[in-house]
Amino acid sequence: MGVTPKGLCVKNRQPLLLITRPEAEAQQLVREIRQACPAPVDILLSPLIEIEPIACDVSLEGFSGVIFTSKNGVRCAPKPKTDNSVLAFCVGARTAEAAQSKGYLTLSANGNATDLIKMILCEDVQGPLIHFRGAHSRGEIAKNLAKAGRNIISQVVYRQNEAGLTKEAMTALAESRPVVVPLYSPRTAQMLVNQGPHPSNVTFVTISQAVADVIAVYDTNGVIMAEHPEGVAMIEAICFALGGNSSVSGP
């Protein structure tokens, strides 16, 4: 079955997967779901965030390392002049994979912002660090590292512009067919809530308790939280919500 960025949903009891991630992340998630979930899946794309890169003329020279908390930060950051010449501290495995592909030498916290901060503080980094991030960012990476005595600057390299649900997505949410909606950030969850209300046919798959807390406004039992706040665990949770086991494996 193909991805249907537009078009009405077929009326049946097989769950529909509604993906609200930005376009690039949504397409990668589709590929991962196709590979991991044993049964065919109907998928509808309706990104709630559009990524707008911001020109960045920062030189990496003089920095002991960079910090990435998203793949978009990697995409919009400068590329090292030579491969493996710049150390990148990454929040999770998928972000580290993107950074490695761009030529960075990577370390992954395999978790959330708190895990990333702990990892950086355990490393013997003498010089300054730079965090390439979006205009909307959680975890206060730079603030907390600065409090711990690290020399760090925060550089915004992209904007996360809000977008509304498509008509097709609104139609799917209004029908009786079960819908599975993965949510990767509290901000995206709040944007979805703001465009509701959404009926009881929706099962939300959340990456963290912070995201689940936003969805709690619906007073629903249809919430599945990933065992760990990272990509592999989310794929497993999504496949479970769709009614099957996953064959996903971590890096």
C-alpha atoms as a PDB file:
ATOM      1  CA  MET A   1       0.000   0.000   0.000  1.00  0.00           C
ATOM      2  CA  GLY A   2       1.265   3.441  -0.819  1.00  0.00           C
ATOM      3  CA  VAL A   3       1.539   6.608   1.183  1.00  0.00           C
ATOM      4  CA  THR A   4      -1.427   8.914   0.580  1.00  0.00           C
ATOM      5  CA  PRO A   5      -0.461  12.531   1.240  1.00  0.00           C
ATOM      6  CA  LYS A   6      -3.837  13.412  -0.238  1.00  0.00           C
ATOM      7  CA  GLY A   7      -7.060  11.511  -0.672  1.00  0.00           C
ATOM      8  CA  LEU A   8      -9.877  10.158   1.438  1.00  0.00           C
ATOM      9  CA  CYS A   9      -9.379   7.141   3.653  1.00  0.00           C
ATOM     10  CA  VAL A  10     -10.952   3.798   2.885  1.00  0.00           C
ATOM     11  CA  LYS A  11     -13.609   2.940   5.449  1.00  0.00           C
ATOM     12  CA  ASN A  12     -12.463  -0.209   7.245  1.00  0.00           C
ATOM     13  CA  ARG A  13     -11.320  -1.327  10.659  1.00  0.00           C
ATOM     14  CA  GLN A  14      -7.630  -1.556   9.811  1.00  0.00           C
ATOM     15  CA  PRO A  15      -5.898   1.325  11.607  1.00  0.00           C
ATOM     16  CA  LEU A  16      -4.721   4.284   9.575  1.00  0.00           C
ATOM     17  CA  LEU A  17      -1.332   5.734  10.491  1.00  0.00           C
ATOM     18  CA  LEU A  18      -1.464   9.545  10.516  1.00  0.00           C
ATOM     19  CA  ILE A  19       2.038  11.073  10.494  1.00  0.00           C
ATOM     20  CA  THR A  20       2.357  14.731  11.505  1.00  0.00           C
ATOM     21  CA  ARG A  21       6.169  15.004  11.457  1.00  0.00           C
ATOM     22  CA  PRO A  22       7.986  17.459   9.140  1.00  0.00           C
ATOM     23  CA  GLU A  23       8.265  16.202   5.567  1.00  0.00           C
ATOM     24  CA  ALA A  24      11.784  14.740   5.681  1.00  0.00           C
ATOM     25  CA  GLU A  25      11.214  12.990   9.020  1.00  0.00           C
ATOM     26  CA  ALA A  26       7.802  11.790   7.847  1.00  0.00           C
ATOM     27  CA  GLN A  27       9.257  10.144   4.747  1.00  0.00           C
ATOM     28  CA  GLN A  28      11.950   8.402   6.794  1.00  0.00           C
ATOM     29  CA  LEU A  29       9.340   7.221   9.300  1.00  0.00           C
ATOM     30  CA  VAL A  30       7.304   5.753   6.447  1.00  0.00           C
ATOM     31  CA  ARG A  31      10.316   3.737   5.266  1.00  0.00           C
ATOM     32  CA  GLU A  32      11.024   2.501   8.789  1.00  0.00           C
ATOM     33  CA  ILE A  33       7.406   1.507   9.405  1.00  0.00           C
ATOM     34  CA  ARG A  34       7.238  -0.365   6.089  1.00  0.00           C
ATOM     35  CA  GLN A  35      10.361  -2.294   7.077  1.00  0.00           C
ATOM     36  CA  ALA A  36       9.458  -2.952  10.717  1.00  0.00           C
ATOM     37  CA  CYS A  37       5.725  -3.683  10.715  1.00  0.00           C
ATOM     38  CA  PRO A  38       4.770  -7.146   9.466  1.00  0.00           C
ATOM     39  CA  ALA A  39       1.395  -6.178   7.951  1.00  0.00           C
ATOM     40  CA  PRO A  40       0.638  -3.626   5.208  1.00  0.00           C
ATOM     41  CA  VAL A  41      -0.199  -0.191   6.603  1.00  0.00           C
ATOM     42  CA  ASP A  42      -2.291   2.648   5.192  1.00  0.00           C
ATOM     43  CA  ILE A  43      -0.427   5.913   5.849  1.00  0.00           C
ATOM     44  CA  LEU A  44      -1.549   9.519   5.588  1.00  0.00           C
ATOM     45  CA  LEU A  45       0.919  12.418   5.810  1.00  0.00           C
ATOM     46  CA  SER A  46      -0.114  15.756   7.307  1.00  0.00           C
ATOM     47  CA  PRO A  47       2.979  17.618   8.605  1.00  0.00           C
ATOM     48  CA  LEU A  48       2.195  20.068  11.410  1.00  0.00           C
ATOM     49  CA  ILE A  49       5.623  21.694  11.181  1.00  0.00           C
ATOM     50  CA  GLU A  50       7.472  23.036   8.152  1.00  0.00           C
ATOM     51  CA  ILE A  51      11.232  23.409   8.505  1.00  0.00           C
ATOM     52  CA  GLU A  52      12.727  26.688   7.292  1.00  0.00           C
ATOM     53  CA  PRO A  53      16.553  26.737   7.270  1.00  0.00           C
ATOM     54  CA  ILE A  54      18.284  29.886   8.490  1.00  0.00           C
ATOM     55  CA  ALA A  55      21.536  30.915   6.836  1.00  0.00           C
ATOM     56  CA  CYS A  56      24.485  30.075   9.072  1.00  0.00           C
ATOM     57  CA  ASP A  57      28.005  31.340   8.392  1.00  0.00           C
ATOM     58  CA  VAL A  58      29.508  30.052  11.640  1.00  0.00           C
ATOM     59  CA  SER A  59      32.930  28.449  11.269  1.00  0.00           C
ATOM     60  CA  LEU A  60      33.553  25.222  13.159  1.00  0.00           C
ATOM     61  CA  GLU A  61      37.176  26.177  13.740  1.00  0.00           C
ATOM     62  CA  GLY A  62      37.960  26.828  17.382  1.00  0.00           C
ATOM     63  CA  PHE A  63      35.168  24.628  18.751  1.00  0.00           C
ATOM     64  CA  SER A  64      35.956  21.429  20.611  1.00  0.00           C
ATOM     65  CA  GLY A  65      32.638  19.959  19.562  1.00  0.00           C
ATOM     66  CA  VAL A  66      29.099  20.566  18.399  1.00  0.00           C
ATOM     67  CA  ILE A  67      25.765  19.501  19.874  1.00  0.00           C
ATOM     68  CA  PHE A  68      22.833  18.177  17.879  1.00  0.00           C
ATOM     69  CA  THR A  69      19.366  17.531  19.312  1.00  0.00           C
ATOM     70  CA  SER A  70      17.645  16.842  15.985  1.00  0.00           C
ATOM     71  CA  LYS A  71      18.359  15.721  12.449  1.00  0.00           C
ATOM     72  CA  ASN A  72      17.184  19.128  11.241  1.00  0.00           C
ATOM     73  CA  GLY A  73      19.974  20.691  13.271  1.00  0.00           C
ATOM     74  CA  VAL A  74      22.397  18.413  11.442  1.00  0.00           C
ATOM     75  CA  ARG A  75      20.955  19.272   8.027  1.00  0.00           C
ATOM     76  CA  CYS A  76      21.177  23.010   8.636  1.00  0.00           C
ATOM     77  CA  ALA A  77      24.579  23.068  10.334  1.00  0.00           C
ATOM     78  CA  PRO A  78      27.849  23.564   8.441  1.00  0.00           C
ATOM     79  CA  LYS A  79      29.713  20.518   7.176  1.00  0.00           C
ATOM     80  CA  PRO A  80      33.176  19.767   8.614  1.00  0.00           C
ATOM     81  CA  LYS A  81      36.018  20.534   6.218  1.00  0.00           C
ATOM     82  CA  THR A  82      37.320  16.998   6.641  1.00  0.00           C
ATOM     83  CA  ASP A  83      35.512  13.877   7.821  1.00  0.00           C
ATOM     84  CA  ASN A  84      35.746  12.949  11.511  1.00  0.00           C
ATOM     85  CA  SER A  85      37.550  16.183  12.334  1.00  0.00           C
ATOM     86  CA  VAL A  86      34.750  17.580  14.528  1.00  0.00           C
ATOM     87  CA  LEU A  87      33.157  15.771  17.481  1.00  0.00           C
ATOM     88  CA  ALA A  88      29.335  15.861  17.593  1.00  0.00           C
ATOM     89  CA  PHE A  89      27.376  15.106  20.763  1.00  0.00           C
ATOM     90  CA  CYS A  90      23.978  13.781  19.650  1.00  0.00           C
ATOM     91  CA  VAL A  91      20.771  13.233  21.599  1.00  0.00           C
ATOM     92  CA  GLY A  92      19.927   9.918  19.932  1.00  0.00           C
ATOM     93  CA  ALA A  93      21.056   7.254  17.499  1.00  0.00           C
ATOM     94  CA  ARG A  94      19.131   8.587  14.495  1.00  0.00           C
ATOM     95  CA  THR A  95      20.559  12.080  14.970  1.00  0.00           C
ATOM     96  CA  ALA A  96      24.029  10.563  15.317  1.00  0.00           C
ATOM     97  CA  GLU A  97      23.556   8.622  12.070  1.00  0.00           C
ATOM     98  CA  ALA A  98      22.681  11.856  10.254  1.00  0.00           C
ATOM     99  CA  ALA A  99      25.687  13.650  11.755  1.00  0.00           C
ATOM    100  CA  GLN A 100      28.021  10.796  10.866  1.00  0.00           C
ATOM    101  CA  SER A 101      26.751  10.853   7.285  1.00  0.00           C
ATOM    102  CA  LYS A 102      27.623  14.556   7.148  1.00  0.00           C
ATOM    103  CA  GLY A 103      31.198  13.899   8.243  1.00  0.00           C
ATOM    104  CA  TYR A 104      31.078  14.342  12.023  1.00  0.00           C
ATOM    105  CA  LEU A 105      32.667  12.055  14.579  1.00  0.00           C
ATOM    106  CA  THR A 106      29.712  11.211  16.804  1.00  0.00           C
ATOM    107  CA  LEU A 107      28.752  10.258  20.348  1.00  0.00           C
ATOM    108  CA  SER A 108      25.101   9.428  21.082  1.00  0.00           C
ATOM    109  CA  ALA A 109      23.291   9.769  24.414  1.00  0.00           C
ATOM    110  CA  ASN A 110      20.569   7.412  23.161  1.00  0.00           C
ATOM    111  CA  GLY A 111      17.964   9.317  25.140  1.00  0.00           C
ATOM    112  CA  ASN A 112      16.676  12.819  25.799  1.00  0.00           C
ATOM    113  CA  ALA A 113      18.132  16.235  26.595  1.00  0.00           C
ATOM    114  CA  THR A 114      18.903  15.268  30.193  1.00  0.00           C
ATOM    115  CA  ASP A 115      20.826  12.204  29.024  1.00  0.00           C
ATOM    116  CA  LEU A 116      22.704  14.332  26.502  1.00  0.00           C
ATOM    117  CA  ILE A 117      23.757  16.857  29.136  1.00  0.00           C
ATOM    118  CA  LYS A 118      24.961  14.083  31.440  1.00  0.00           C
ATOM    119  CA  MET A 119      27.002  12.535  28.639  1.00  0.00           C
ATOM    120  CA  ILE A 120      28.671  15.827  27.734  1.00  0.00           C
ATOM    121  CA  LEU A 121      29.553  16.550  31.362  1.00  0.00           C
ATOM    122  CA  CYS A 122      31.217  13.144  31.605  1.00  0.00           C
ATOM    123  CA  GLU A 123      33.478  13.944  28.659  1.00  0.00           C
ATOM    124  CA  ASP A 124      36.745  15.808  29.071  1.00  0.00           C
ATOM    125  CA  VAL A 125      35.967  18.674  26.683  1.00  0.00           C
ATOM    126  CA  GLN A 126      38.285  21.628  27.266  1.00  0.00           C
ATOM    127  CA  GLY A 127      37.274  24.099  24.570  1.00  0.00           C
ATOM    128  CA  PRO A 128      33.994  25.772  23.588  1.00  0.00           C
ATOM    129  CA  LEU A 129      30.947  23.904  22.289  1.00  0.00           C
ATOM    130  CA  ILE A 130      28.195  25.054  19.938  1.00  0.00           C
ATOM    131  CA  HIS A 131      24.606  23.786  19.906  1.00  0.00           C
ATOM    132  CA  PHE A 132      22.953  23.942  16.475  1.00  0.00           C
ATOM    133  CA  ARG A 133      19.214  23.982  17.116  1.00  0.00           C
ATOM    134  CA  GLY A 134      15.785  25.143  16.019  1.00  0.00           C
ATOM    135  CA  ALA A 135      14.044  28.334  17.103  1.00  0.00           C
ATOM    136  CA  HIS A 136      11.827  26.195  19.346  1.00  0.00           C
ATOM    137  CA  SER A 137      13.943  23.993  21.582  1.00  0.00           C
ATOM    138  CA  ARG A 138      13.396  22.075  24.820  1.00  0.00           C
ATOM    139  CA  GLY A 139      15.804  20.952  27.496  1.00  0.00           C
ATOM    140  CA  GLU A 140      17.760  24.226  27.849  1.00  0.00           C
ATOM    141  CA  ILE A 141      20.944  22.505  26.734  1.00  0.00           C
ATOM    142  CA  ALA A 142      23.146  25.593  26.601  1.00  0.00           C
ATOM    143  CA  LYS A 143      21.780  27.061  29.835  1.00  0.00           C
ATOM    144  CA  ASN A 144      22.329  23.888  31.838  1.00  0.00           C
ATOM    145  CA  LEU A 145      25.794  23.239  30.431  1.00  0.00           C
ATOM    146  CA  ALA A 146      26.800  26.846  31.127  1.00  0.00           C
ATOM    147  CA  LYS A 147      25.618  26.442  34.727  1.00  0.00           C
ATOM    148  CA  ALA A 148      27.893  23.403  34.959  1.00  0.00           C
ATOM    149  CA  GLY A 149      30.840  25.535  33.852  1.00  0.00           C
ATOM    150  CA  ARG A 150      31.040  24.593  30.186  1.00  0.00           C
ATOM    151  CA  ASN A 151      31.818  27.187  27.533  1.00  0.00           C
ATOM    152  CA  ILE A 152      28.920  26.936  25.088  1.00  0.00           C
ATOM    153  CA  ILE A 153      26.958  29.038  22.626  1.00  0.00           C
ATOM    154  CA  SER A 154      23.557  28.320  21.110  1.00  0.00           C
ATOM    155  CA  GLN A 155      23.060  28.840  17.369  1.00  0.00           C
ATOM    156  CA  VAL A 156      19.573  28.775  15.793  1.00  0.00           C
ATOM    157  CA  VAL A 157      19.830  27.304  12.288  1.00  0.00           C
ATOM    158  CA  TYR A 158      16.178  26.653  11.412  1.00  0.00           C
ATOM    159  CA  ARG A 159      12.623  27.692  12.191  1.00  0.00           C
ATOM    160  CA  GLN A 160       9.745  25.282  12.857  1.00  0.00           C
ATOM    161  CA  ASN A 161       6.759  26.965  11.221  1.00  0.00           C
ATOM    162  CA  GLU A 162       3.292  25.760  12.186  1.00  0.00           C
ATOM    163  CA  ALA A 163       1.015  24.150   9.610  1.00  0.00           C
ATOM    164  CA  GLY A 164      -2.600  23.022   9.862  1.00  0.00           C
ATOM    165  CA  LEU A 165      -3.941  19.522   9.427  1.00  0.00           C
ATOM    166  CA  THR A 166      -4.945  18.762   5.850  1.00  0.00           C
ATOM    167  CA  LYS A 167      -8.605  18.279   4.964  1.00  0.00           C
ATOM    168  CA  GLU A 168      -7.859  14.591   4.427  1.00  0.00           C
ATOM    169  CA  ALA A 169      -6.416  14.299   7.925  1.00  0.00           C
ATOM    170  CA  MET A 170      -9.403  16.056   9.468  1.00  0.00           C
ATOM    171  CA  THR A 171     -11.724  13.709   7.575  1.00  0.00           C
ATOM    172  CA  ALA A 172      -9.807  10.669   8.823  1.00  0.00           C
ATOM    173  CA  LEU A 173     -10.004  11.868  12.414  1.00  0.00           C
ATOM    174  CA  ALA A 174     -13.761  12.423  12.082  1.00  0.00           C
ATOM    175  CA  GLU A 175     -14.515   8.926  10.794  1.00  0.00           C
ATOM    176  CA  SER A 176     -15.006   5.739  12.809  1.00  0.00           C
ATOM    177  CA  ARG A 177     -11.919   4.017  11.432  1.00  0.00           C
ATOM    178  CA  PRO A 178      -9.148   3.640  14.054  1.00  0.00           C
ATOM    179  CA  VAL A 179      -6.315   6.144  13.631  1.00  0.00           C
ATOM    180  CA  VAL A 180      -2.816   5.880  15.122  1.00  0.00           C
ATOM    181  CA  VAL A 181      -0.978   9.197  15.601  1.00  0.00           C
ATOM    182  CA  PRO A 182       2.711   9.190  16.664  1.00  0.00           C
ATOM    183  CA  LEU A 183       3.814  12.343  18.498  1.00  0.00           C
ATOM    184  CA  TYR A 184       7.472  13.257  18.990  1.00  0.00           C
ATOM    185  CA  SER A 185       7.342  16.570  20.847  1.00  0.00           C
ATOM    186  CA  PRO A 186       5.112  18.455  23.306  1.00  0.00           C
ATOM    187  CA  ARG A 187       4.860  21.337  20.840  1.00  0.00           C
ATOM    188  CA  THR A 188       3.503  19.135  18.047  1.00  0.00           C
ATOM    189  CA  ALA A 189       1.126  17.486  20.512  1.00  0.00           C
ATOM    190  CA  GLN A 190      -0.168  20.894  21.591  1.00  0.00           C
ATOM    191  CA  MET A 191      -0.629  21.955  17.973  1.00  0.00           C
ATOM    192  CA  LEU A 192      -2.717  18.836  17.386  1.00  0.00           C
ATOM    193  CA  VAL A 193      -4.783  19.493  20.515  1.00  0.00           C
ATOM    194  CA  ASN A 194      -5.395  23.060  19.363  1.00  0.00           C
ATOM    195  CA  GLN A 195      -6.898  21.745  16.120  1.00  0.00           C
ATOM    196  CA  GLY A 196      -9.185  19.256  17.917  1.00  0.00           C
ATOM    197  CA  PRO A 197     -11.227  17.958  19.517  1.00  0.00           C
ATOM    198  CA  HIS A 198     -10.358  14.493  18.246  1.00  0.00           C
ATOM    199  CA  PRO A 199     -12.685  11.537  18.844  1.00  0.00           C
ATOM    200  CA  SER A 200     -12.099   8.285  20.672  1.00  0.00           C
ATOM    201  CA  ASN A 201     -11.026   6.411  17.522  1.00  0.00           C
ATOM    202  CA  VAL A 202      -7.510   7.881  17.902  1.00  0.00           C
ATOM    203  CA  THR A 203      -4.596   6.092  19.591  1.00  0.00           C
ATOM    204  CA  PHE A 204      -1.662   8.386  20.350  1.00  0.00           C
ATOM    205  CA  VAL A 205       1.883   7.020  20.450  1.00  0.00           C
ATOM    206  CA  THR A 206       4.112   9.371  22.446  1.00  0.00           C
ATOM    207  CA  ILE A 207       7.880   9.527  22.740  1.00  0.00           C
ATOM    208  CA  SER A 208       7.865  10.732  26.355  1.00  0.00           C
ATOM    209  CA  GLN A 209       5.750  11.508  29.401  1.00  0.00           C
ATOM    210  CA  ALA A 210       5.988  15.215  28.559  1.00  0.00           C
ATOM    211  CA  VAL A 211       4.163  14.530  25.277  1.00  0.00           C
ATOM    212  CA  ALA A 212       1.642  12.229  26.970  1.00  0.00           C
ATOM    213  CA  ASP A 213       0.881  14.985  29.487  1.00  0.00           C
ATOM    214  CA  VAL A 214      -0.235  17.291  26.665  1.00  0.00           C
ATOM    215  CA  ILE A 215      -2.532  14.636  25.202  1.00  0.00           C
ATOM    216  CA  ALA A 216      -3.988  13.944  28.670  1.00  0.00           C
ATOM    217  CA  VAL A 217      -6.441  16.773  28.028  1.00  0.00           C
ATOM    218  CA  TYR A 218      -8.506  14.215  26.083  1.00  0.00           C
ATOM    219  CA  ASP A 219      -8.931  11.985  29.154  1.00  0.00           C
ATOM    220  CA  THR A 220      -8.408   8.947  26.970  1.00  0.00           C
ATOM    221  CA  ASN A 221      -6.884   5.527  27.551  1.00  0.00           C
ATOM    222  CA  GLY A 222      -5.720   5.482  23.931  1.00  0.00           C
ATOM    223  CA  VAL A 223      -2.133   6.508  24.684  1.00  0.00           C
ATOM    224  CA  ILE A 224       0.928   4.289  24.205  1.00  0.00           C
ATOM    225  CA  MET A 225       4.280   5.640  25.385  1.00  0.00           C
ATOM    226  CA  ALA A 226       7.576   4.407  23.964  1.00  0.00           C
ATOM    227  CA  GLU A 227       9.753   2.502  26.430  1.00  0.00           C
ATOM    228  CA  HIS A 228      12.634   4.875  25.702  1.00  0.00           C
ATOM    229  CA  PRO A 229      12.606   8.425  24.264  1.00  0.00           C
ATOM    230  CA  GLU A 230      14.259   7.518  20.971  1.00  0.00           C
ATOM    231  CA  GLY A 231      13.484   6.424  17.427  1.00  0.00           C
ATOM    232  CA  VAL A 232      13.753   2.635  17.667  1.00  0.00           C
ATOM    233  CA  ALA A 233      11.443   2.480  20.670  1.00  0.00           C
ATOM    234  CA  MET A 234       8.932   4.685  18.850  1.00  0.00           C
ATOM    235  CA  ILE A 235       8.891   2.353  15.840  1.00  0.00           C
ATOM    236  CA  GLU A 236       8.221  -0.582  18.155  1.00  0.00           C
ATOM    237  CA  ALA A 237       5.396   1.295  19.891  1.00  0.00           C
ATOM    238  CA  ILE A 238       3.845   2.361  16.584  1.00  0.00           C
ATOM    239  CA  CYS A 239       3.879  -1.195  15.250  1.00  0.00           C
ATOM    240  CA  PHE A 240       2.265  -2.379  18.491  1.00  0.00           C
ATOM    241  CA  ALA A 241      -0.452   0.278  18.159  1.00  0.00           C
ATOM    242  CA  LEU A 242      -1.095  -0.850  14.588  1.00  0.00           C
ATOM    243  CA  GLY A 243      -1.770  -4.335  15.874  1.00  0.00           C
ATOM    244  CA  GLY A 244       1.441  -6.249  15.344  1.00  0.00           C
ATOM    245  CA  ASN A 245       4.961  -6.879  16.567  1.00  0.00           C
ATOM    246  CA  SER A 246       7.908  -5.088  15.016  1.00  0.00           C
ATOM    247  CA  SER A 247      11.082  -6.441  13.462  1.00  0.00           C
ATOM    248  CA  VAL A 248      13.021  -3.227  14.080  1.00  0.00           C
ATOM    249  CA  SER A 249      16.548  -3.423  15.419  1.00  0.00           C
ATOM    250  CA  GLY A 250      18.638  -0.675  16.923  1.00  0.00           C
ATOM    251  CA  PRO A 251      22.001   0.538  15.649  1.00  0.00           C
END
